[in-house]
Amino acid sequence: MNQSRQYGLVTLTCIVIASMIGSGVFTTSGFTIAALGSPELVMLAWVVGGIIAVCGAISYAELSRRLPVSGGEYTYLSRRLHPAAGFIAGWVSLTAGFSGAIALAAVTCAAYLSGLGPFSEIPQNTIAAGLIVTAGIAHASGSRQAASLQNLIVLLKIGVLLWFLGTAASMFSSHQWYWVQSPAEVSSGPSISVFAQQVMWISLSYTGFNAAIYIASEVRDAQVTVPRALVLGTVVVTVLYLLLNLVFVTAAPAELIAHQGDVAAVAARNVGGARLETLMRIAVVLGTGSSVAGMIMTGPRVFSKMAEDGLFPRFFAAAEGGMQRTVLLQSGIALLLVFTGDLRDLLNYLSSVLALSSAITVLTLLIPGRGESERSRPAAATLLAAVCYVGGTLITAALLMNRKPEELYGALITIVTGGVLWLAVGRNCWRGSEVQESST
């Protein structure tokens, strides 16, 4: 692959932050407080989700240090476990993994943007489509310029969110905060399976902590820069999430925020009126807009890597100048979903299949790689993080399956379909080159 090493720590960290701060943090807690019944349990669910995400970031940091090339789960599973496992992971990304998330973030951005003055008369699907097209063209025509613009947007987004938090903090003594409350529809404490379901949904808001791995081949000093970006970006977002949700679930009575998809706007309005609500809408637009751009930048790298290995048309290989074509392909699939897909149902099943794919990827850290000596095994702290991530993800999925098994049917269908395709065509096309795993 003849790609320039053009990205540094700032850009990589901004990509992680942009990919993580999407629609979830601004919408989830309204439904979570309705299910769990108290701000304390909502915050506990966000803390658990954050711990799992940080453990995941530490684990992926080790994987990226050992194999500092693009392609994400597809590359790691192909090289460390089996090409079939990598193919299925790539199939998940290709069919809907990135495309569905891009479409949902674009639709959420459009919904909040339509509440701001001149955009109110424009159809939301048109706004969402325009955002995807703009980001797609930008990344297809000049990744360096697009990355610089995205860095600026991410920094602006963080600035707006900190302004919101500062405003809320300044009203600590003058505003009535609802620290202890219970929605009327929750008559008793939630079960462990209900709590697990909420953690699974909250985990969707933390996805993206591994975003930097998808462009590792284009990063300067990737073995050092990518791990640092993963951990730094995830910690920053986790702290922001906890502070934001502390405001969201205590700023208004539970009956006003329960089941509200725009919980961030409701909370902002109760704290600071229409002016602060407008500020929050701007923050959501920046958050979801930069998330769309970040995923359009990282997702196509998976397809290009698959093309290099013979599992996707060579036309899309980066070495053949196909990176721009994969960006446009990714954007086109997302556009199709905006106008035809039931996006929330799509993400409902993808939350489980993506979590399982990620858990299996991290699990490979616990399996000695080819030619890996005892001395080169991960440090004890890294292994502990990997165990916590895999265990937390699988336990949550198991509890969810026990409560709502139908939510995992889509994941099973996707995995089985990918396996069938591997047996039919994938194994005959595979020509992935062996990549030496770095060891210390």
Protein backbone atom coordinates (compact mmCIF):
# COMPACT_ATOMS: atom_id res chain seq x y z
CA MET A 1 0.00 0.00 0.00
CA ASN A 2 1.50 3.27 -1.08
CA GLN A 3 -0.06 5.71 1.34
CA SER A 4 1.56 8.74 2.88
CA ARG A 5 1.91 8.89 6.63
CA GLN A 6 0.08 12.18 6.96
CA TYR A 7 -1.91 12.00 10.21
CA GLY A 8 -0.63 12.82 13.71
CA LEU A 9 -1.85 12.58 17.30
CA VAL A 10 -4.17 15.60 17.18
CA THR A 11 -6.01 14.39 14.07
CA LEU A 12 -6.23 10.81 15.38
CA THR A 13 -7.60 11.95 18.76
CA CYS A 14 -10.13 14.21 17.04
CA ILE A 15 -11.25 11.27 14.88
CA VAL A 16 -11.87 9.19 18.00
CA ILE A 17 -13.81 12.02 19.68
CA ALA A 18 -15.79 12.77 16.52
CA SER A 19 -16.70 9.11 16.05
CA MET A 20 -17.78 8.68 19.68
CA ILE A 21 -19.81 11.85 20.22
CA GLY A 22 -22.72 11.19 17.88
CA SER A 23 -26.45 10.98 18.50
CA GLY A 24 -26.46 8.57 21.47
CA VAL A 25 -25.32 10.84 24.30
CA PHE A 26 -27.96 13.44 23.42
CA THR A 27 -30.89 11.00 23.19
CA THR A 28 -30.34 7.90 25.35
CA SER A 29 -30.84 9.08 28.93
CA GLY A 30 -34.50 10.00 28.47
CA PHE A 31 -35.29 6.36 27.75
CA THR A 32 -32.81 5.10 30.35
CA ILE A 33 -34.36 7.01 33.25
CA ALA A 34 -37.78 5.69 32.24
CA ALA A 35 -36.43 2.14 32.42
CA LEU A 36 -34.22 2.40 35.50
CA GLY A 37 -36.24 4.86 37.55
CA SER A 38 -33.58 7.11 39.10
CA PRO A 39 -30.70 9.43 38.20
CA GLU A 40 -28.37 7.34 40.35
CA LEU A 41 -28.96 4.19 38.32
CA VAL A 42 -28.73 6.10 35.05
CA MET A 43 -25.34 7.49 36.06
CA LEU A 44 -24.21 4.03 37.22
CA ALA A 45 -25.11 2.65 33.78
CA TRP A 46 -23.04 5.40 32.11
CA VAL A 47 -20.12 4.69 34.44
CA VAL A 48 -20.25 0.96 33.62
CA GLY A 49 -20.40 1.77 29.90
CA GLY A 50 -17.45 4.13 30.29
CA ILE A 51 -15.32 1.56 32.12
CA ILE A 52 -16.02 -1.01 29.41
CA ALA A 53 -15.12 1.53 26.70
CA VAL A 54 -11.83 2.54 28.38
CA CYS A 55 -10.90 -1.15 28.80
CA GLY A 56 -11.72 -1.61 25.11
CA ALA A 57 -9.53 1.34 24.15
CA ILE A 58 -6.59 -0.05 26.15
CA SER A 59 -7.06 -3.43 24.47
CA TYR A 60 -7.26 -1.98 20.97
CA ALA A 61 -4.21 0.15 21.75
CA GLU A 62 -2.24 -3.07 22.28
CA LEU A 63 -3.64 -4.60 19.10
CA SER A 64 -2.72 -1.50 17.09
CA ARG A 65 0.80 -1.53 18.56
CA ARG A 66 1.28 -5.11 17.40
CA LEU A 67 -0.34 -4.67 14.00
CA PRO A 68 -0.18 -0.97 12.98
CA VAL A 69 -2.04 -1.26 9.66
CA SER A 70 -5.46 -0.14 8.45
CA GLY A 71 -8.54 -2.33 8.27
CA GLY A 72 -9.71 -2.55 11.87
CA GLU A 73 -11.42 -5.75 13.06
CA TYR A 74 -11.18 -7.21 9.57
CA THR A 75 -7.38 -7.04 9.64
CA TYR A 76 -6.93 -8.09 13.28
CA LEU A 77 -9.23 -11.11 13.06
CA SER A 78 -7.85 -12.19 9.69
CA ARG A 79 -4.26 -12.15 10.92
CA ARG A 80 -4.63 -13.16 14.57
CA LEU A 81 -7.56 -15.61 14.43
CA HIS A 82 -8.63 -16.79 10.97
CA PRO A 83 -9.38 -15.15 7.59
CA ALA A 84 -13.00 -16.32 7.86
CA ALA A 85 -13.48 -14.36 11.09
CA GLY A 86 -12.01 -11.26 9.47
CA PHE A 87 -14.23 -11.70 6.42
CA ILE A 88 -17.37 -11.83 8.58
CA ALA A 89 -16.26 -8.71 10.48
CA GLY A 90 -15.69 -6.94 7.16
CA TRP A 91 -19.09 -8.14 5.94
CA VAL A 92 -20.75 -6.51 8.97
CA SER A 93 -19.01 -3.21 8.20
CA LEU A 94 -19.79 -3.42 4.50
CA THR A 95 -23.49 -4.22 4.82
CA ALA A 96 -24.52 -1.73 7.46
CA GLY A 97 -21.98 -1.22 10.25
CA PHE A 98 -20.61 2.13 9.20
CA SER A 99 -23.40 2.98 6.76
CA GLY A 100 -26.19 2.60 9.32
CA ALA A 101 -24.32 4.64 11.93
CA ILE A 102 -23.57 7.39 9.38
CA ALA A 103 -27.21 7.54 8.32
CA LEU A 104 -28.51 7.67 11.90
CA ALA A 105 -26.07 10.42 12.88
CA ALA A 106 -27.03 12.43 9.77
CA VAL A 107 -30.76 12.08 10.49
CA THR A 108 -30.24 13.11 14.13
CA CYS A 109 -28.19 16.11 13.02
CA ALA A 110 -30.95 17.12 10.60
CA ALA A 111 -33.63 16.79 13.30
CA TYR A 112 -31.81 19.20 15.62
CA LEU A 113 -30.76 21.52 12.80
CA SER A 114 -34.37 21.83 11.61
CA GLY A 115 -35.18 23.46 14.95
CA LEU A 116 -32.80 26.32 14.23
CA GLY A 117 -34.32 29.24 12.32
CA PRO A 118 -33.73 29.12 8.54
CA PHE A 119 -33.45 25.33 8.43
CA SER A 120 -36.96 24.72 9.76
CA GLU A 121 -38.53 24.77 6.28
CA ILE A 122 -36.12 22.26 4.73
CA PRO A 123 -37.13 18.56 4.81
CA GLN A 124 -35.00 16.67 7.32
CA ASN A 125 -34.05 13.93 4.84
CA THR A 126 -32.77 16.62 2.48
CA ILE A 127 -30.59 18.10 5.23
CA ALA A 128 -29.26 14.64 6.15
CA ALA A 129 -28.50 13.81 2.53
CA GLY A 130 -26.75 17.15 2.02
CA LEU A 131 -24.53 16.51 5.04
CA ILE A 132 -23.51 13.05 3.79
CA VAL A 133 -22.84 14.30 0.26
CA THR A 134 -20.75 17.22 1.53
CA ALA A 135 -18.65 15.04 3.84
CA GLY A 136 -18.26 12.38 1.15
CA ILE A 137 -17.04 14.84 -1.48
CA ALA A 138 -14.69 16.50 1.02
CA HIS A 139 -12.99 13.25 2.01
CA ALA A 140 -12.93 11.93 -1.55
CA SER A 141 -11.28 15.07 -2.94
CA GLY A 142 -8.75 16.00 -0.28
CA SER A 143 -8.38 14.06 2.95
CA ARG A 144 -5.77 16.38 4.45
CA GLN A 145 -7.95 19.48 4.07
CA ALA A 146 -11.06 17.60 5.24
CA ALA A 147 -9.19 16.28 8.28
CA SER A 148 -8.03 19.78 9.23
CA LEU A 149 -11.59 21.09 8.99
CA GLN A 150 -12.84 18.19 11.09
CA ASN A 151 -10.25 18.91 13.78
CA LEU A 152 -11.54 22.47 13.96
CA ILE A 153 -15.17 21.30 14.22
CA VAL A 154 -14.32 18.80 16.97
CA LEU A 155 -12.52 21.46 19.01
CA LEU A 156 -15.47 23.81 18.51
CA LYS A 157 -17.85 21.04 19.57
CA ILE A 158 -15.93 20.42 22.79
CA GLY A 159 -15.86 24.16 23.42
CA VAL A 160 -19.65 24.44 23.09
CA LEU A 161 -20.22 21.45 25.39
CA LEU A 162 -17.86 22.91 28.00
CA TRP A 163 -19.72 26.22 27.73
CA PHE A 164 -22.98 24.37 28.37
CA LEU A 165 -21.49 22.58 31.38
CA GLY A 166 -20.07 25.85 32.69
CA THR A 167 -23.48 27.52 32.40
CA ALA A 168 -25.10 24.63 34.26
CA ALA A 169 -22.43 24.80 36.98
CA SER A 170 -22.96 28.55 37.40
CA MET A 171 -26.64 27.84 38.16
CA PHE A 172 -25.92 25.15 40.74
CA SER A 173 -27.41 27.15 43.61
CA SER A 174 -30.16 29.01 41.73
CA HIS A 175 -31.71 26.15 39.73
CA GLN A 176 -33.82 23.38 41.26
CA TRP A 177 -32.02 20.10 40.62
CA TYR A 178 -33.84 16.78 40.82
CA TRP A 179 -31.23 14.49 42.34
CA VAL A 180 -33.69 11.89 43.65
CA GLN A 181 -36.74 11.09 41.55
CA SER A 182 -38.60 8.19 40.01
CA PRO A 183 -40.79 8.17 36.88
CA ALA A 184 -44.38 7.24 37.67
CA GLU A 185 -44.31 4.19 35.38
CA VAL A 186 -41.43 2.58 37.31
CA SER A 187 -43.05 1.06 40.39
CA SER A 188 -40.16 -1.07 41.60
CA GLY A 189 -36.44 -1.40 41.15
CA PRO A 190 -35.27 -2.64 37.73
CA SER A 191 -33.98 -6.16 37.26
CA ILE A 192 -30.38 -6.94 36.38
CA SER A 193 -31.45 -7.80 32.82
CA VAL A 194 -33.17 -4.40 32.44
CA PHE A 195 -29.99 -2.69 33.68
CA ALA A 196 -27.92 -4.76 31.23
CA GLN A 197 -30.20 -3.75 28.38
CA GLN A 198 -29.65 -0.08 29.20
CA VAL A 199 -25.88 -0.59 29.41
CA MET A 200 -26.00 -2.20 25.96
CA TRP A 201 -27.83 0.83 24.57
CA ILE A 202 -25.47 3.21 26.34
CA SER A 203 -22.53 1.27 24.91
CA LEU A 204 -23.71 2.42 21.48
CA SER A 205 -22.85 5.96 22.58
CA TYR A 206 -19.31 4.80 23.39
CA THR A 207 -18.73 3.02 20.07
CA GLY A 208 -16.10 4.74 18.01
CA PHE A 209 -13.41 4.52 20.69
CA ASN A 210 -11.47 2.33 18.23
CA ALA A 211 -11.88 4.69 15.24
CA ALA A 212 -8.16 5.46 14.88
CA ILE A 213 -7.28 1.85 14.00
CA TYR A 214 -9.02 2.07 10.64
CA ILE A 215 -6.45 4.50 9.21
CA ALA A 216 -3.32 3.25 11.01
CA SER A 217 -1.43 2.79 7.73
CA GLU A 218 -1.67 6.54 7.15
CA VAL A 219 -0.41 7.62 10.58
CA ARG A 220 3.04 8.88 11.49
CA ASP A 221 4.75 6.56 14.00
CA ALA A 222 1.56 4.47 14.12
CA GLN A 223 2.74 2.06 16.83
CA VAL A 224 2.90 4.95 19.29
CA THR A 225 0.42 7.50 17.92
CA VAL A 226 -2.60 5.22 17.42
CA PRO A 227 -2.55 3.73 20.96
CA ARG A 228 -2.20 7.17 22.52
CA ALA A 229 -5.07 8.57 20.46
CA LEU A 230 -7.36 5.66 21.35
CA VAL A 231 -6.88 6.01 25.10
CA LEU A 232 -6.75 9.82 25.20
CA GLY A 233 -9.85 10.29 23.06
CA THR A 234 -11.85 7.69 24.99
CA VAL A 235 -10.99 9.15 28.40
CA VAL A 236 -11.90 12.68 27.28
CA VAL A 237 -15.25 11.53 25.90
CA THR A 238 -16.04 9.39 28.96
CA VAL A 239 -15.52 12.36 31.31
CA LEU A 240 -17.65 14.58 29.07
CA TYR A 241 -20.42 11.95 28.92
CA LEU A 242 -20.61 11.62 32.69
CA LEU A 243 -20.77 15.39 33.24
CA LEU A 244 -23.34 15.92 30.49
CA ASN A 245 -25.64 13.15 31.67
CA LEU A 246 -25.43 14.35 35.25
CA VAL A 247 -27.04 17.56 33.98
CA PHE A 248 -29.47 15.82 31.60
CA VAL A 249 -31.08 13.57 34.23
CA THR A 250 -31.25 16.07 37.10
CA ALA A 251 -32.16 19.32 35.32
CA ALA A 252 -35.89 18.57 35.07
CA PRO A 253 -38.54 16.34 36.70
CA ALA A 254 -38.42 12.75 35.50
CA GLU A 255 -41.86 12.96 33.90
CA LEU A 256 -40.56 15.67 31.57
CA ILE A 257 -37.52 13.75 30.36
CA ALA A 258 -38.67 10.11 30.48
CA HIS A 259 -38.98 8.67 26.95
CA GLN A 260 -37.79 11.96 25.41
CA GLY A 261 -35.48 11.50 22.45
CA ASP A 262 -34.37 15.14 22.73
CA VAL A 263 -33.49 14.89 26.42
CA ALA A 264 -30.49 17.19 25.93
CA ALA A 265 -32.69 20.00 24.57
CA VAL A 266 -35.30 19.49 27.32
CA ALA A 267 -32.63 19.67 30.03
CA ALA A 268 -31.00 22.74 28.48
CA ARG A 269 -34.36 24.51 28.25
CA ASN A 270 -35.10 23.83 31.92
CA VAL A 271 -31.70 25.05 33.04
CA GLY A 272 -31.26 28.17 30.92
CA GLY A 273 -34.35 28.71 28.79
CA ALA A 274 -34.53 29.00 25.01
CA ARG A 275 -31.05 30.50 24.72
CA LEU A 276 -29.31 27.52 26.33
CA GLU A 277 -31.53 25.13 24.37
CA THR A 278 -30.31 26.76 21.16
CA LEU A 279 -26.72 26.33 22.34
CA MET A 280 -27.36 22.64 23.00
CA ARG A 281 -28.93 22.18 19.58
CA ILE A 282 -25.80 23.71 18.04
CA ALA A 283 -23.67 21.28 20.08
CA VAL A 284 -25.73 18.32 18.85
CA VAL A 285 -25.45 19.51 15.24
CA LEU A 286 -21.67 19.82 15.60
CA GLY A 287 -21.44 16.48 17.38
CA THR A 288 -23.48 14.45 14.91
CA GLY A 289 -22.12 16.32 11.88
CA SER A 290 -18.50 15.64 12.82
CA SER A 291 -19.46 12.04 13.59
CA VAL A 292 -20.76 11.64 10.03
CA ALA A 293 -17.53 13.08 8.64
CA GLY A 294 -15.37 10.92 10.92
CA MET A 295 -17.06 7.67 9.94
CA ILE A 296 -17.01 8.54 6.24
CA MET A 297 -13.27 9.01 6.66
CA THR A 298 -12.56 5.76 8.54
CA GLY A 299 -15.12 3.24 7.24
CA PRO A 300 -13.90 3.06 3.62
CA ARG A 301 -10.45 1.97 4.81
CA VAL A 302 -11.94 -1.42 5.72
CA PHE A 303 -13.26 -1.96 2.19
CA SER A 304 -10.00 -0.86 0.60
CA LYS A 305 -8.07 -3.32 2.74
CA MET A 306 -10.48 -6.11 1.77
CA ALA A 307 -9.97 -5.15 -1.88
CA GLU A 308 -6.20 -5.48 -1.46
CA ASP A 309 -6.72 -8.99 -0.08
CA GLY A 310 -8.95 -10.00 -2.97
CA LEU A 311 -12.23 -10.05 -1.03
CA PHE A 312 -13.64 -6.90 -2.62
CA PRO A 313 -13.29 -5.61 -6.21
CA ARG A 314 -9.70 -4.50 -6.89
CA PHE A 315 -11.19 -1.29 -8.24
CA PHE A 316 -11.54 -0.14 -4.60
CA ALA A 317 -8.00 -0.97 -3.43
CA ALA A 318 -6.07 2.01 -2.08
CA ALA A 319 -2.98 0.99 -4.07
CA GLU A 320 -5.07 1.31 -7.25
CA GLY A 321 -6.29 4.80 -6.35
CA GLY A 322 -9.56 3.37 -5.07
CA MET A 323 -9.78 5.18 -1.73
CA GLN A 324 -11.88 7.97 -3.21
CA ARG A 325 -14.18 5.39 -4.78
CA THR A 326 -14.69 3.60 -1.45
CA VAL A 327 -15.56 6.93 0.20
CA LEU A 328 -18.18 7.59 -2.45
CA LEU A 329 -19.49 4.01 -2.16
CA GLN A 330 -19.82 4.35 1.63
CA SER A 331 -21.60 7.67 1.23
CA GLY A 332 -23.95 6.20 -1.37
CA ILE A 333 -25.01 3.31 0.88
CA ALA A 334 -25.63 5.73 3.77
CA LEU A 335 -27.73 7.95 1.48
CA LEU A 336 -29.83 4.95 0.48
CA LEU A 337 -30.48 4.14 4.14
CA VAL A 338 -31.50 7.73 4.90
CA PHE A 339 -34.34 7.51 2.41
CA THR A 340 -35.31 3.84 2.69
CA GLY A 341 -34.09 2.35 5.97
CA ASP A 342 -35.67 2.04 9.41
CA LEU A 343 -32.51 3.33 11.02
CA ARG A 344 -33.33 2.76 14.68
CA ASP A 345 -34.28 -0.86 14.07
CA LEU A 346 -31.07 -1.25 12.07
CA LEU A 347 -28.91 0.09 14.88
CA ASN A 348 -30.89 -1.99 17.37
CA TYR A 349 -29.58 -5.23 15.90
CA LEU A 350 -26.19 -3.79 14.95
CA SER A 351 -25.51 -2.87 18.58
CA SER A 352 -25.29 -6.57 19.37
CA VAL A 353 -23.42 -7.79 16.29
CA LEU A 354 -20.83 -4.98 16.48
CA ALA A 355 -20.34 -5.58 20.20
CA LEU A 356 -19.76 -9.29 19.58
CA SER A 357 -17.34 -8.59 16.72
CA SER A 358 -15.38 -6.20 18.93
CA ALA A 359 -15.33 -8.61 21.88
CA ILE A 360 -14.00 -11.44 19.69
CA THR A 361 -11.32 -9.11 18.33
CA VAL A 362 -10.11 -8.20 21.83
CA LEU A 363 -10.29 -11.86 22.82
CA THR A 364 -7.40 -12.55 20.41
CA LEU A 365 -5.12 -10.70 22.85
CA LEU A 366 -5.63 -13.58 25.24
CA ILE A 367 -4.54 -16.08 22.58
CA PRO A 368 -0.77 -16.26 21.80
CA GLY A 369 -0.11 -15.07 18.27
CA ARG A 370 2.05 -16.90 15.74
CA GLY A 371 5.71 -16.52 16.67
CA GLU A 372 4.81 -14.65 19.84
CA SER A 373 7.09 -15.36 22.79
CA GLU A 374 6.17 -15.18 26.46
CA ARG A 375 8.24 -12.01 26.76
CA SER A 376 6.19 -10.29 24.07
CA ARG A 377 2.84 -11.08 25.68
CA PRO A 378 0.76 -8.03 26.75
CA ALA A 379 1.37 -6.51 30.17
CA ALA A 380 -0.76 -7.72 33.06
CA ALA A 381 -2.75 -4.45 33.15
CA THR A 382 -3.54 -4.77 29.43
CA LEU A 383 -4.65 -8.38 29.85
CA LEU A 384 -6.88 -7.32 32.77
CA ALA A 385 -8.44 -4.60 30.59
CA ALA A 386 -9.03 -7.15 27.81
CA VAL A 387 -10.70 -9.57 30.23
CA CYS A 388 -12.90 -6.79 31.61
CA TYR A 389 -13.92 -5.65 28.13
CA VAL A 390 -14.68 -9.12 26.79
CA GLY A 391 -16.39 -10.20 30.01
CA GLY A 392 -18.45 -7.02 30.33
CA THR A 393 -19.56 -7.13 26.70
CA LEU A 394 -20.48 -10.81 26.68
CA ILE A 395 -22.26 -10.73 30.05
CA THR A 396 -24.31 -7.71 28.96
CA ALA A 397 -25.18 -9.43 25.67
CA ALA A 398 -26.15 -12.63 27.48
CA LEU A 399 -28.43 -10.79 29.91
CA LEU A 400 -29.99 -8.92 27.00
CA MET A 401 -30.54 -12.15 25.09
CA ASN A 402 -32.23 -13.64 28.15
CA ARG A 403 -34.63 -10.68 28.27
CA LYS A 404 -35.15 -9.96 24.57
CA PRO A 405 -33.67 -12.76 22.44
CA GLU A 406 -35.26 -11.35 19.30
CA GLU A 407 -32.83 -8.41 19.43
CA LEU A 408 -29.97 -10.82 18.68
CA TYR A 409 -31.66 -12.58 15.75
CA GLY A 410 -30.42 -9.96 13.31
CA ALA A 411 -26.86 -10.38 14.59
CA LEU A 412 -27.09 -14.16 14.13
CA ILE A 413 -28.45 -13.76 10.59
CA THR A 414 -25.62 -11.36 9.69
CA ILE A 415 -22.93 -13.69 11.04
CA VAL A 416 -24.42 -16.77 9.34
CA THR A 417 -24.76 -14.89 6.03
CA GLY A 418 -21.14 -13.78 6.23
CA GLY A 419 -20.06 -17.36 6.99
CA VAL A 420 -21.97 -18.71 4.00
CA LEU A 421 -20.40 -16.10 1.72
CA TRP A 422 -16.96 -17.02 3.02
CA LEU A 423 -17.51 -20.68 2.23
CA ALA A 424 -18.97 -19.87 -1.19
CA VAL A 425 -16.48 -17.29 -2.47
CA GLY A 426 -14.31 -15.77 0.25
CA ARG A 427 -11.90 -18.61 0.96
CA ASN A 428 -11.18 -19.03 -2.75
CA CYS A 429 -10.42 -15.31 -3.19
CA TRP A 430 -8.34 -14.77 -0.06
CA ARG A 431 -4.83 -13.67 -0.82
CA GLY A 432 -4.09 -11.58 2.21
CA SER A 433 -0.40 -11.16 2.81
CA GLU A 434 0.98 -12.22 6.16
CA VAL A 435 1.78 -9.20 8.27
CA GLN A 436 4.50 -9.56 10.84
CA GLU A 437 3.09 -8.74 14.28
CA SER A 438 5.23 -6.32 16.19
CA SER A 439 6.60 -7.59 19.44
CA THR A 440 8.65 -6.14 22.18
